């Protein structure tokens, strides 16, 4: 995957969105920076920037996605591939539905997905070092270039959704002590049933990832 590196950007995701909207770059394409001034987190929260952490966005043509992958499941799909990448490098990270990476009780990273034209853009924030604000970091020291090389190789393999989901479903038990947010409401995952399309069934209500 062709990758551009920057010292500082407002947001790798915003930069890549603008690039896709205003030009027709060759895909797949990734953007990485050392610092973000306006990083985007879940539910429009900011993602704290600190030099040494990983700030990444990558873009793929929708036509290059696995044929059985629904867009609603893309956050789970690409987040789980990142989880597997980090796990293969020695981390005990796990994926909390639908897009948050955790070590023990602490969030260490997350992903946002957006569709622009015929392109999916995935934005990743991953704490590789402890921040000055006390936010947790990954459970081992890893070079971001090694992470990216391994992650992009896993993406290029294009495993089917059903292959990725079958593994995530087994590991979903790690989610049961946590919460998610549905239309601004904090909802326990303890009673959630994970459906085959990646959605949750909580008390009869079907909930899809909108991230």
N, C-alpha and C. Protein backbone atom coordinates (compact mmCIF):
# COMPACT_ATOMS: atom_id res chain seq x y z
N UNK A 1 0.85 -1.19 0.00
CA UNK A 1 0.00 0.00 0.00
C UNK A 1 0.89 1.24 0.00
N UNK A 2 0.64 2.13 -0.94
CA UNK A 2 1.43 3.35 -1.01
C UNK A 2 1.11 4.21 0.22
N UNK A 3 2.15 4.67 0.92
CA UNK A 3 1.96 5.37 2.18
C UNK A 3 2.70 6.71 2.17
N UNK A 4 1.98 7.77 2.58
CA UNK A 4 2.57 9.10 2.72
C UNK A 4 2.74 9.42 4.20
N UNK A 5 3.88 9.99 4.56
CA UNK A 5 4.19 10.32 5.95
C UNK A 5 4.29 11.84 6.11
N UNK A 6 3.72 12.33 7.22
CA UNK A 6 3.75 13.76 7.53
C UNK A 6 4.17 13.95 8.98
N UNK A 7 4.75 15.10 9.26
CA UNK A 7 5.07 15.43 10.66
C UNK A 7 3.79 15.79 11.41
N UNK A 8 2.99 16.70 10.85
CA UNK A 8 1.77 17.19 11.53
C UNK A 8 0.64 17.36 10.53
N UNK A 9 -0.55 16.91 10.91
CA UNK A 9 -1.77 17.14 10.16
C UNK A 9 -2.88 17.47 11.15
N UNK A 10 -3.92 18.15 10.68
CA UNK A 10 -5.09 18.30 11.55
C UNK A 10 -5.65 16.93 11.87
N UNK A 11 -5.78 16.08 10.84
CA UNK A 11 -6.31 14.73 10.99
C UNK A 11 -5.96 13.94 9.73
N UNK A 12 -5.42 12.76 9.88
CA UNK A 12 -5.13 11.92 8.71
C UNK A 12 -6.43 11.60 7.97
N UNK A 13 -7.51 11.42 8.72
CA UNK A 13 -8.79 11.09 8.10
C UNK A 13 -9.33 12.26 7.27
N UNK A 14 -9.28 13.47 7.84
CA UNK A 14 -9.74 14.64 7.10
C UNK A 14 -8.88 14.89 5.87
N UNK A 15 -7.58 14.71 6.01
CA UNK A 15 -6.67 14.90 4.88
C UNK A 15 -7.02 13.94 3.75
N UNK A 16 -7.24 12.67 4.10
CA UNK A 16 -7.52 11.67 3.08
C UNK A 16 -8.91 11.87 2.48
N UNK A 17 -9.88 12.30 3.29
CA UNK A 17 -11.21 12.61 2.77
C UNK A 17 -11.13 13.70 1.71
N UNK A 18 -10.43 14.77 2.02
CA UNK A 18 -10.30 15.88 1.07
C UNK A 18 -9.59 15.43 -0.20
N UNK A 19 -8.57 14.60 -0.04
CA UNK A 19 -7.82 14.12 -1.19
C UNK A 19 -8.72 13.29 -2.11
N UNK A 20 -9.54 12.43 -1.52
CA UNK A 20 -10.44 11.58 -2.31
C UNK A 20 -11.52 12.43 -2.99
N UNK A 21 -12.05 13.43 -2.26
CA UNK A 21 -13.10 14.27 -2.83
C UNK A 21 -12.61 15.13 -3.97
N UNK A 22 -11.38 15.61 -3.88
CA UNK A 22 -10.90 16.62 -4.82
C UNK A 22 -9.99 16.09 -5.92
N UNK A 23 -9.49 14.88 -5.76
CA UNK A 23 -8.62 14.29 -6.79
C UNK A 23 -9.04 12.84 -6.99
N UNK A 24 -8.33 12.16 -7.85
CA UNK A 24 -8.58 10.74 -8.06
C UNK A 24 -7.28 9.97 -7.86
N UNK A 25 -6.84 9.87 -6.60
CA UNK A 25 -5.55 9.21 -6.33
C UNK A 25 -5.64 7.71 -6.60
N UNK A 26 -4.50 7.13 -6.90
CA UNK A 26 -4.42 5.68 -7.07
C UNK A 26 -4.60 4.99 -5.72
N UNK A 27 -5.43 3.98 -5.69
CA UNK A 27 -5.71 3.25 -4.45
C UNK A 27 -5.16 1.83 -4.55
N UNK A 28 -4.85 1.21 -3.39
CA UNK A 28 -5.02 1.68 -2.02
C UNK A 28 -3.96 2.72 -1.64
N UNK A 29 -4.30 3.51 -0.63
CA UNK A 29 -3.46 4.63 -0.23
C UNK A 29 -3.55 4.83 1.28
N UNK A 30 -2.44 5.13 1.91
CA UNK A 30 -2.42 5.36 3.36
C UNK A 30 -1.71 6.66 3.69
N UNK A 31 -2.14 7.29 4.79
CA UNK A 31 -1.53 8.52 5.29
C UNK A 31 -1.21 8.32 6.77
N UNK A 32 0.01 8.64 7.15
CA UNK A 32 0.46 8.50 8.54
C UNK A 32 1.10 9.82 8.96
N UNK A 33 0.87 10.24 10.20
CA UNK A 33 1.53 11.44 10.70
C UNK A 33 2.02 11.22 12.13
N UNK A 34 2.96 12.07 12.53
CA UNK A 34 3.52 11.99 13.88
C UNK A 34 2.63 12.67 14.90
N UNK A 35 1.95 13.76 14.48
CA UNK A 35 1.08 14.51 15.38
C UNK A 35 -0.19 14.92 14.65
N UNK A 36 -1.32 14.87 15.37
CA UNK A 36 -2.58 15.38 14.87
C UNK A 36 -3.05 16.51 15.77
N UNK A 37 -3.58 17.57 15.17
CA UNK A 37 -4.09 18.67 15.98
C UNK A 37 -5.59 18.59 16.19
N UNK A 38 -6.28 17.80 15.35
CA UNK A 38 -7.74 17.66 15.46
C UNK A 38 -8.15 16.22 15.20
N UNK A 39 -7.51 15.29 15.93
CA UNK A 39 -7.82 13.88 15.75
C UNK A 39 -9.27 13.56 16.08
N UNK A 40 -9.86 12.62 15.33
CA UNK A 40 -11.27 12.29 15.49
C UNK A 40 -11.41 10.93 16.15
N UNK A 41 -12.23 10.89 17.23
CA UNK A 41 -12.51 9.63 17.90
C UNK A 41 -13.96 9.23 17.73
N UNK A 42 -14.37 8.21 18.46
CA UNK A 42 -15.75 7.76 18.38
C UNK A 42 -16.71 8.82 18.89
N UNK A 43 -17.93 8.83 18.31
CA UNK A 43 -19.01 9.74 18.73
C UNK A 43 -18.56 11.20 18.67
N UNK A 44 -17.70 11.50 17.67
CA UNK A 44 -17.21 12.87 17.43
C UNK A 44 -16.32 13.39 18.55
N UNK A 45 -15.83 12.50 19.39
CA UNK A 45 -14.86 12.91 20.40
C UNK A 45 -13.51 13.16 19.73
N UNK A 46 -12.64 13.88 20.42
CA UNK A 46 -11.29 14.06 19.90
C UNK A 46 -10.42 12.89 20.36
N UNK A 47 -9.39 12.59 19.57
CA UNK A 47 -8.43 11.56 19.95
C UNK A 47 -7.13 12.27 20.29
N UNK A 48 -6.74 12.19 21.55
CA UNK A 48 -5.59 12.95 22.04
C UNK A 48 -4.32 12.60 21.26
N UNK A 49 -3.61 13.63 20.84
CA UNK A 49 -2.40 13.44 20.04
C UNK A 49 -1.16 13.54 20.91
N UNK A 50 -0.28 12.58 20.72
CA UNK A 50 1.02 12.64 21.37
C UNK A 50 2.04 11.98 20.46
N UNK A 51 3.14 12.66 20.23
CA UNK A 51 4.16 12.13 19.34
C UNK A 51 4.64 10.77 19.84
N UNK A 52 4.74 9.83 18.91
CA UNK A 52 5.14 8.48 19.26
C UNK A 52 4.00 7.49 19.11
N UNK A 53 2.75 8.01 19.12
CA UNK A 53 1.60 7.15 18.89
C UNK A 53 1.34 7.00 17.39
N UNK A 54 0.43 6.09 17.03
CA UNK A 54 0.14 5.84 15.63
C UNK A 54 -1.12 6.57 15.20
N UNK A 55 -0.99 7.40 14.19
CA UNK A 55 -2.12 8.10 13.59
C UNK A 55 -2.14 7.75 12.10
N UNK A 56 -3.14 7.00 11.70
CA UNK A 56 -3.18 6.39 10.38
C UNK A 56 -4.57 6.51 9.77
N UNK A 57 -4.63 6.76 8.47
CA UNK A 57 -5.86 6.58 7.70
C UNK A 57 -5.48 5.92 6.39
N UNK A 58 -6.33 4.99 5.95
CA UNK A 58 -6.07 4.34 4.67
C UNK A 58 -7.37 4.25 3.87
N UNK A 59 -7.22 4.23 2.56
CA UNK A 59 -8.37 4.23 1.67
C UNK A 59 -8.30 3.05 0.71
N UNK A 60 -9.45 2.38 0.54
CA UNK A 60 -9.57 1.26 -0.39
C UNK A 60 -10.79 1.48 -1.27
N UNK A 61 -10.71 1.04 -2.50
CA UNK A 61 -11.88 1.08 -3.37
C UNK A 61 -12.92 0.08 -2.86
N UNK A 62 -14.18 0.48 -2.87
CA UNK A 62 -15.24 -0.43 -2.41
C UNK A 62 -15.23 -1.73 -3.21
N UNK A 63 -14.85 -1.63 -4.46
CA UNK A 63 -14.82 -2.82 -5.32
C UNK A 63 -13.73 -3.81 -4.92
N UNK A 64 -12.78 -3.36 -4.09
CA UNK A 64 -11.69 -4.23 -3.66
C UNK A 64 -11.97 -4.91 -2.31
N UNK A 65 -13.11 -4.61 -1.71
CA UNK A 65 -13.45 -5.24 -0.44
C UNK A 65 -13.88 -6.69 -0.69
N UNK A 66 -13.74 -7.55 0.33
CA UNK A 66 -14.25 -8.92 0.19
C UNK A 66 -15.72 -8.91 -0.21
N UNK A 67 -16.10 -9.83 -1.08
CA UNK A 67 -17.44 -9.82 -1.65
C UNK A 67 -18.54 -10.00 -0.61
N UNK A 68 -18.22 -10.64 0.51
CA UNK A 68 -19.27 -10.89 1.52
C UNK A 68 -19.24 -9.88 2.67
N UNK A 69 -18.45 -8.81 2.52
CA UNK A 69 -18.35 -7.80 3.58
C UNK A 69 -19.36 -6.68 3.35
N UNK A 70 -20.29 -6.52 4.30
CA UNK A 70 -21.22 -5.40 4.25
C UNK A 70 -20.55 -4.17 4.85
N UNK A 71 -20.87 -3.01 4.33
CA UNK A 71 -20.24 -1.78 4.83
C UNK A 71 -20.50 -1.59 6.31
N UNK A 72 -21.68 -2.00 6.80
CA UNK A 72 -22.00 -1.85 8.22
C UNK A 72 -21.04 -2.64 9.11
N UNK A 73 -20.37 -3.63 8.52
CA UNK A 73 -19.47 -4.49 9.30
C UNK A 73 -18.00 -4.12 9.10
N UNK A 74 -17.72 -3.07 8.33
CA UNK A 74 -16.34 -2.77 7.97
C UNK A 74 -15.48 -2.37 9.16
N UNK A 75 -16.08 -1.66 10.15
CA UNK A 75 -15.30 -1.29 11.34
C UNK A 75 -14.83 -2.53 12.08
N UNK A 76 -15.72 -3.50 12.24
CA UNK A 76 -15.36 -4.75 12.91
C UNK A 76 -14.28 -5.47 12.12
N UNK A 77 -14.49 -5.56 10.82
CA UNK A 77 -13.57 -6.30 9.95
C UNK A 77 -12.14 -5.75 10.04
N UNK A 78 -11.98 -4.45 9.78
CA UNK A 78 -10.63 -3.88 9.75
C UNK A 78 -10.04 -3.75 11.16
N UNK A 79 -10.88 -3.54 12.16
CA UNK A 79 -10.39 -3.48 13.54
C UNK A 79 -9.89 -4.86 13.98
N UNK A 80 -10.61 -5.90 13.57
CA UNK A 80 -10.18 -7.24 13.98
C UNK A 80 -8.88 -7.64 13.28
N UNK A 81 -8.71 -7.22 12.03
CA UNK A 81 -7.44 -7.50 11.36
C UNK A 81 -6.29 -6.78 12.06
N UNK A 82 -6.53 -5.58 12.56
CA UNK A 82 -5.50 -4.87 13.33
C UNK A 82 -5.24 -5.59 14.65
N UNK A 83 -6.29 -6.04 15.30
CA UNK A 83 -6.14 -6.80 16.54
C UNK A 83 -5.28 -8.04 16.30
N UNK A 84 -5.56 -8.76 15.21
CA UNK A 84 -4.78 -9.96 14.89
C UNK A 84 -3.32 -9.61 14.60
N UNK A 85 -3.11 -8.48 13.92
CA UNK A 85 -1.75 -8.03 13.62
C UNK A 85 -0.97 -7.78 14.91
N UNK A 86 -1.58 -7.05 15.83
CA UNK A 86 -0.92 -6.73 17.11
C UNK A 86 -0.72 -8.00 17.94
N UNK A 87 -1.68 -8.89 17.89
CA UNK A 87 -1.57 -10.15 18.62
C UNK A 87 -0.41 -10.99 18.10
N UNK A 88 -0.24 -11.00 16.79
CA UNK A 88 0.86 -11.78 16.19
C UNK A 88 2.22 -11.22 16.58
N UNK A 89 2.24 -9.94 16.99
CA UNK A 89 3.49 -9.29 17.40
C UNK A 89 3.71 -9.37 18.91
N UNK A 90 2.77 -10.04 19.62
CA UNK A 90 2.96 -10.29 21.04
C UNK A 90 2.00 -9.61 21.98
N UNK A 91 1.09 -8.79 21.47
CA UNK A 91 0.15 -8.07 22.34
C UNK A 91 -1.01 -8.96 22.77
N UNK A 92 -1.63 -8.62 23.90
CA UNK A 92 -2.83 -9.31 24.37
C UNK A 92 -4.06 -8.42 24.18
N UNK A 93 -4.01 -7.58 23.17
CA UNK A 93 -5.10 -6.67 22.86
C UNK A 93 -6.34 -7.46 22.42
N UNK A 94 -7.52 -6.91 22.68
CA UNK A 94 -8.75 -7.51 22.15
C UNK A 94 -9.65 -6.42 21.60
N UNK A 95 -10.63 -6.85 20.80
CA UNK A 95 -11.54 -5.93 20.14
C UNK A 95 -12.86 -5.87 20.89
N UNK A 96 -13.23 -4.64 21.31
CA UNK A 96 -14.56 -4.41 21.89
C UNK A 96 -15.45 -3.86 20.78
N UNK A 97 -16.64 -4.47 20.67
CA UNK A 97 -17.56 -4.10 19.60
C UNK A 97 -17.83 -2.60 19.59
N UNK A 98 -17.81 -1.97 18.42
CA UNK A 98 -17.43 -2.56 17.14
C UNK A 98 -16.03 -2.20 16.67
N UNK A 99 -15.36 -1.26 17.36
CA UNK A 99 -14.14 -0.68 16.76
C UNK A 99 -13.10 -0.23 17.76
N UNK A 100 -13.22 -0.67 19.02
CA UNK A 100 -12.29 -0.21 20.06
C UNK A 100 -11.30 -1.31 20.43
N UNK A 101 -10.04 -0.95 20.55
CA UNK A 101 -9.00 -1.89 20.96
C UNK A 101 -8.68 -1.67 22.43
N UNK A 102 -8.72 -2.78 23.18
CA UNK A 102 -8.51 -2.72 24.63
C UNK A 102 -7.39 -3.65 25.06
N UNK A 103 -6.72 -3.26 26.13
CA UNK A 103 -5.82 -4.14 26.87
C UNK A 103 -6.32 -4.14 28.30
N UNK A 104 -6.71 -5.31 28.78
CA UNK A 104 -7.36 -5.42 30.10
C UNK A 104 -8.61 -4.53 30.12
N UNK A 105 -8.66 -3.55 31.01
CA UNK A 105 -9.84 -2.69 31.13
C UNK A 105 -9.68 -1.35 30.41
N UNK A 106 -8.58 -1.19 29.70
CA UNK A 106 -8.23 0.13 29.17
C UNK A 106 -8.27 0.18 27.65
N UNK A 107 -8.90 1.23 27.13
CA UNK A 107 -8.91 1.47 25.69
C UNK A 107 -7.55 2.01 25.26
N UNK A 108 -6.97 1.39 24.23
CA UNK A 108 -5.67 1.83 23.74
C UNK A 108 -5.74 2.28 22.28
N UNK A 109 -6.89 2.08 21.63
CA UNK A 109 -6.99 2.49 20.24
C UNK A 109 -8.40 2.32 19.71
N UNK A 110 -8.59 2.78 18.50
CA UNK A 110 -9.91 2.67 17.89
C UNK A 110 -9.86 3.00 16.42
N UNK A 111 -10.98 2.76 15.75
CA UNK A 111 -11.07 2.97 14.31
C UNK A 111 -12.39 3.65 13.96
N UNK A 112 -12.34 4.51 12.96
CA UNK A 112 -13.51 5.15 12.38
C UNK A 112 -13.53 4.84 10.89
N UNK A 113 -14.69 4.49 10.34
CA UNK A 113 -14.78 4.25 8.90
C UNK A 113 -15.80 5.19 8.27
N UNK A 114 -15.48 5.64 7.07
CA UNK A 114 -16.36 6.52 6.30
C UNK A 114 -16.29 6.12 4.83
N UNK A 115 -17.38 6.39 4.12
CA UNK A 115 -17.40 6.15 2.68
C UNK A 115 -17.45 7.49 1.96
N UNK A 116 -16.51 7.69 1.05
CA UNK A 116 -16.46 8.90 0.22
C UNK A 116 -16.40 8.45 -1.23
N UNK A 117 -17.39 8.87 -2.01
CA UNK A 117 -17.51 8.43 -3.40
C UNK A 117 -17.56 6.89 -3.42
N UNK A 118 -16.65 6.26 -4.14
CA UNK A 118 -16.63 4.79 -4.20
C UNK A 118 -15.46 4.24 -3.39
N UNK A 119 -15.16 4.92 -2.29
CA UNK A 119 -13.97 4.60 -1.49
C UNK A 119 -14.33 4.50 -0.02
N UNK A 120 -13.74 3.52 0.66
CA UNK A 120 -13.88 3.45 2.11
C UNK A 120 -12.60 3.98 2.74
N UNK A 121 -12.76 4.86 3.74
CA UNK A 121 -11.62 5.43 4.46
C UNK A 121 -11.68 4.96 5.91
N UNK A 122 -10.59 4.38 6.37
CA UNK A 122 -10.51 3.89 7.75
C UNK A 122 -9.46 4.70 8.50
N UNK A 123 -9.87 5.32 9.60
CA UNK A 123 -8.95 6.09 10.42
C UNK A 123 -8.62 5.35 11.70
N UNK A 124 -7.34 5.27 12.02
CA UNK A 124 -6.88 4.51 13.18
C UNK A 124 -6.08 5.41 14.12
N UNK A 125 -6.39 5.32 15.41
CA UNK A 125 -5.56 5.92 16.44
C UNK A 125 -5.14 4.82 17.40
N UNK A 126 -3.86 4.71 17.68
CA UNK A 126 -3.36 3.65 18.56
C UNK A 126 -2.28 4.21 19.47
N UNK A 127 -2.50 4.09 20.77
CA UNK A 127 -1.53 4.58 21.75
C UNK A 127 -0.39 3.57 21.91
N UNK A 128 0.76 3.95 21.42
CA UNK A 128 1.94 3.10 21.56
C UNK A 128 2.76 3.47 22.79
N UNK A 129 2.53 4.68 23.29
CA UNK A 129 3.20 5.12 24.52
C UNK A 129 2.16 5.75 25.43
N UNK A 130 2.41 5.76 26.72
CA UNK A 130 1.47 6.38 27.66
C UNK A 130 1.46 7.88 27.46
N UNK A 131 0.26 8.44 27.46
CA UNK A 131 0.13 9.87 27.23
C UNK A 131 0.30 10.64 28.54
N UNK A 132 0.53 11.95 28.40
CA UNK A 132 0.68 12.81 29.56
C UNK A 132 -0.64 12.94 30.32
N UNK A 133 -1.75 12.64 29.63
CA UNK A 133 -3.07 12.72 30.27
C UNK A 133 -3.45 11.43 30.98
N UNK A 134 -2.55 10.46 30.98
CA UNK A 134 -2.81 9.23 31.71
C UNK A 134 -3.52 8.16 30.92
N UNK A 135 -3.77 8.38 29.62
CA UNK A 135 -4.41 7.36 28.81
C UNK A 135 -3.51 6.15 28.66
N UNK A 136 -4.12 4.97 28.61
CA UNK A 136 -3.37 3.72 28.55
C UNK A 136 -2.72 3.54 27.18
N UNK A 137 -1.73 2.65 27.14
CA UNK A 137 -1.03 2.37 25.89
C UNK A 137 -0.98 0.86 25.68
N UNK A 138 -0.54 0.47 24.50
CA UNK A 138 -0.38 -0.93 24.16
C UNK A 138 0.53 -1.60 25.20
N UNK A 139 0.40 -2.90 25.34
CA UNK A 139 1.08 -3.62 26.41
C UNK A 139 2.50 -4.06 26.07
N UNK A 140 3.06 -3.58 24.98
CA UNK A 140 4.45 -3.82 24.65
C UNK A 140 4.91 -2.75 23.68
N UNK A 141 6.22 -2.58 23.59
CA UNK A 141 6.77 -1.56 22.70
C UNK A 141 6.91 -2.13 21.30
N UNK A 142 6.31 -1.43 20.33
CA UNK A 142 6.38 -1.86 18.94
C UNK A 142 6.69 -0.67 18.06
N UNK A 143 7.49 -0.90 17.04
CA UNK A 143 7.78 0.12 16.05
C UNK A 143 6.58 0.25 15.12
N UNK A 144 6.10 1.47 14.92
CA UNK A 144 4.89 1.66 14.09
C UNK A 144 5.08 1.17 12.67
N UNK A 145 6.31 1.23 12.14
CA UNK A 145 6.54 0.76 10.77
C UNK A 145 6.38 -0.75 10.67
N UNK A 146 6.73 -1.46 11.72
CA UNK A 146 6.53 -2.92 11.74
C UNK A 146 5.05 -3.24 11.81
N UNK A 147 4.31 -2.47 12.63
CA UNK A 147 2.86 -2.65 12.72
C UNK A 147 2.22 -2.44 11.35
N UNK A 148 2.57 -1.34 10.70
CA UNK A 148 1.96 -1.00 9.41
C UNK A 148 2.29 -2.04 8.35
N UNK A 149 3.51 -2.47 8.30
CA UNK A 149 3.91 -3.47 7.31
C UNK A 149 3.09 -4.76 7.48
N UNK A 150 2.96 -5.22 8.72
CA UNK A 150 2.21 -6.44 8.99
C UNK A 150 0.72 -6.26 8.75
N UNK A 151 0.20 -5.10 9.16
CA UNK A 151 -1.23 -4.83 9.01
C UNK A 151 -1.62 -4.76 7.54
N UNK A 152 -0.85 -4.04 6.75
CA UNK A 152 -1.17 -3.91 5.33
C UNK A 152 -1.09 -5.26 4.62
N UNK A 153 -0.16 -6.11 5.03
CA UNK A 153 -0.08 -7.45 4.45
C UNK A 153 -1.35 -8.24 4.75
N UNK A 154 -1.86 -8.09 5.98
CA UNK A 154 -3.09 -8.79 6.36
C UNK A 154 -4.29 -8.27 5.57
N UNK A 155 -4.34 -6.96 5.35
CA UNK A 155 -5.43 -6.38 4.56
C UNK A 155 -5.38 -6.88 3.12
N UNK A 156 -4.17 -6.94 2.57
CA UNK A 156 -4.00 -7.36 1.17
C UNK A 156 -4.41 -8.81 0.94
N UNK A 157 -4.42 -9.62 1.98
CA UNK A 157 -4.85 -11.01 1.86
C UNK A 157 -6.35 -11.12 1.61
N UNK A 158 -7.10 -10.05 1.98
CA UNK A 158 -8.54 -9.98 1.76
C UNK A 158 -9.29 -11.22 2.28
N UNK A 159 -9.09 -11.56 3.57
CA UNK A 159 -9.87 -12.68 4.09
C UNK A 159 -11.35 -12.37 4.02
N UNK A 160 -12.17 -13.37 3.81
CA UNK A 160 -13.61 -13.18 3.74
C UNK A 160 -14.15 -12.72 5.10
N UNK A 161 -15.26 -11.99 5.07
CA UNK A 161 -15.92 -11.57 6.29
C UNK A 161 -16.23 -12.77 7.18
N UNK A 162 -16.74 -13.85 6.59
CA UNK A 162 -17.14 -15.00 7.40
C UNK A 162 -15.95 -15.61 8.13
N UNK A 163 -14.75 -15.52 7.54
CA UNK A 163 -13.55 -16.03 8.20
C UNK A 163 -13.17 -15.16 9.39
N UNK A 164 -13.21 -13.85 9.20
CA UNK A 164 -12.88 -12.91 10.28
C UNK A 164 -13.94 -12.98 11.37
N UNK A 165 -15.20 -12.98 10.98
CA UNK A 165 -16.29 -12.98 11.95
C UNK A 165 -16.29 -14.25 12.80
N UNK A 166 -15.99 -15.40 12.20
CA UNK A 166 -16.01 -16.65 12.97
C UNK A 166 -15.04 -16.61 14.14
N UNK A 167 -13.91 -15.91 13.95
CA UNK A 167 -12.93 -15.77 15.04
C UNK A 167 -13.38 -14.73 16.04
N UNK A 168 -13.92 -13.61 15.54
CA UNK A 168 -14.38 -12.57 16.47
C UNK A 168 -15.53 -13.08 17.33
N UNK A 169 -16.42 -13.88 16.76
CA UNK A 169 -17.56 -14.39 17.51
C UNK A 169 -17.11 -15.23 18.70
N UNK A 170 -16.05 -16.01 18.51
CA UNK A 170 -15.50 -16.81 19.60
C UNK A 170 -14.96 -15.91 20.71
N UNK A 171 -14.36 -14.79 20.30
CA UNK A 171 -13.73 -13.88 21.27
C UNK A 171 -14.68 -12.82 21.82
N UNK A 172 -15.94 -12.86 21.40
CA UNK A 172 -16.89 -11.83 21.83
C UNK A 172 -17.13 -11.86 23.33
N UNK A 173 -16.85 -12.98 23.99
CA UNK A 173 -17.03 -13.07 25.44
C UNK A 173 -16.19 -12.03 26.18
N UNK A 174 -15.10 -11.54 25.56
CA UNK A 174 -14.28 -10.51 26.19
C UNK A 174 -15.01 -9.18 26.28
N UNK A 175 -16.13 -9.06 25.58
CA UNK A 175 -16.89 -7.80 25.52
C UNK A 175 -17.94 -7.67 26.61
N UNK A 176 -18.28 -8.76 27.27
CA UNK A 176 -19.51 -8.81 28.05
C UNK A 176 -19.50 -7.93 29.30
N UNK A 177 -18.34 -7.52 29.76
CA UNK A 177 -18.28 -6.64 30.93
C UNK A 177 -18.22 -5.16 30.55
N UNK A 178 -18.44 -4.87 29.28
CA UNK A 178 -18.31 -3.51 28.80
C UNK A 178 -19.65 -2.96 28.31
N UNK A 179 -19.61 -1.70 27.89
CA UNK A 179 -20.79 -1.00 27.39
C UNK A 179 -20.51 -0.50 25.98
N UNK A 180 -21.58 -0.20 25.26
CA UNK A 180 -21.47 0.53 24.01
C UNK A 180 -22.49 1.65 24.05
N UNK A 181 -22.46 2.52 23.07
CA UNK A 181 -23.39 3.65 23.02
C UNK A 181 -24.32 3.50 21.82
N UNK A 182 -25.61 3.62 22.08
CA UNK A 182 -26.63 3.51 21.04
C UNK A 182 -27.49 4.76 21.10
N UNK A 183 -27.39 5.60 20.06
CA UNK A 183 -28.16 6.84 20.02
C UNK A 183 -27.97 7.67 21.29
N UNK A 184 -26.73 7.71 21.76
CA UNK A 184 -26.40 8.50 22.95
C UNK A 184 -26.63 7.76 24.26
N UNK A 185 -27.23 6.58 24.20
CA UNK A 185 -27.51 5.81 25.41
C UNK A 185 -26.37 4.82 25.68
N UNK A 186 -26.00 4.69 26.93
CA UNK A 186 -24.99 3.72 27.34
C UNK A 186 -25.68 2.38 27.56
N UNK A 187 -25.28 1.37 26.80
CA UNK A 187 -25.97 0.08 26.81
C UNK A 187 -24.98 -1.02 27.16
N UNK A 188 -25.33 -1.87 28.11
CA UNK A 188 -24.48 -2.98 28.52
C UNK A 188 -24.41 -4.04 27.42
N UNK A 189 -23.22 -4.61 27.23
CA UNK A 189 -23.05 -5.69 26.26
C UNK A 189 -23.29 -7.06 26.88
N UNK A 190 -23.60 -7.09 28.18
CA UNK A 190 -23.74 -8.37 28.87
C UNK A 190 -24.90 -9.21 28.35
N UNK A 191 -25.93 -8.53 27.83
CA UNK A 191 -27.10 -9.25 27.30
C UNK A 191 -27.12 -9.25 25.77
N UNK A 192 -26.06 -8.81 25.16
CA UNK A 192 -26.04 -8.68 23.69
C UNK A 192 -25.80 -10.02 23.02
N UNK A 193 -26.50 -10.22 21.92
CA UNK A 193 -26.27 -11.38 21.06
C UNK A 193 -25.65 -10.88 19.76
N UNK A 194 -24.51 -11.43 19.41
CA UNK A 194 -23.80 -11.01 18.20
C UNK A 194 -24.36 -11.77 17.01
N UNK A 195 -24.93 -11.01 16.04
CA UNK A 195 -25.51 -11.63 14.85
C UNK A 195 -24.45 -11.84 13.78
N UNK A 196 -24.76 -12.68 12.79
CA UNK A 196 -23.77 -13.06 11.78
C UNK A 196 -23.32 -11.91 10.88
N UNK A 197 -24.11 -10.84 10.82
CA UNK A 197 -23.70 -9.69 10.00
C UNK A 197 -22.91 -8.66 10.82
N UNK A 198 -22.60 -9.00 12.09
CA UNK A 198 -21.83 -8.10 12.93
C UNK A 198 -22.68 -7.17 13.77
N UNK A 199 -23.98 -7.16 13.56
CA UNK A 199 -24.87 -6.33 14.37
C UNK A 199 -25.09 -6.99 15.73
N UNK A 200 -25.65 -6.21 16.67
CA UNK A 200 -26.00 -6.73 17.98
C UNK A 200 -27.51 -6.81 18.12
N UNK A 201 -27.96 -7.81 18.82
CA UNK A 201 -29.37 -7.91 19.20
C UNK A 201 -29.42 -7.75 20.71
N UNK A 202 -29.97 -6.62 21.16
CA UNK A 202 -30.08 -6.35 22.59
C UNK A 202 -31.54 -6.14 22.92
N UNK A 203 -32.09 -7.10 23.66
CA UNK A 203 -33.51 -7.04 24.04
C UNK A 203 -34.42 -6.85 22.82
N UNK A 204 -34.09 -7.55 21.74
CA UNK A 204 -34.92 -7.50 20.55
C UNK A 204 -34.62 -6.35 19.61
N UNK A 205 -33.75 -5.43 20.03
CA UNK A 205 -33.40 -4.29 19.17
C UNK A 205 -32.12 -4.61 18.40
N UNK A 206 -32.17 -4.45 17.08
CA UNK A 206 -31.01 -4.71 16.23
C UNK A 206 -30.17 -3.45 16.13
N UNK A 207 -28.89 -3.57 16.46
CA UNK A 207 -28.00 -2.41 16.51
C UNK A 207 -26.83 -2.65 15.57
N UNK A 208 -26.63 -1.72 14.65
CA UNK A 208 -25.53 -1.82 13.69
C UNK A 208 -24.45 -0.80 14.04
N UNK A 209 -23.23 -1.14 13.69
CA UNK A 209 -22.14 -0.19 13.85
C UNK A 209 -22.32 0.97 12.88
N UNK A 210 -22.23 2.19 13.41
CA UNK A 210 -22.34 3.38 12.56
C UNK A 210 -21.04 4.16 12.60
N UNK A 211 -19.94 3.47 12.75
CA UNK A 211 -18.65 4.12 12.90
C UNK A 211 -17.72 3.75 11.76
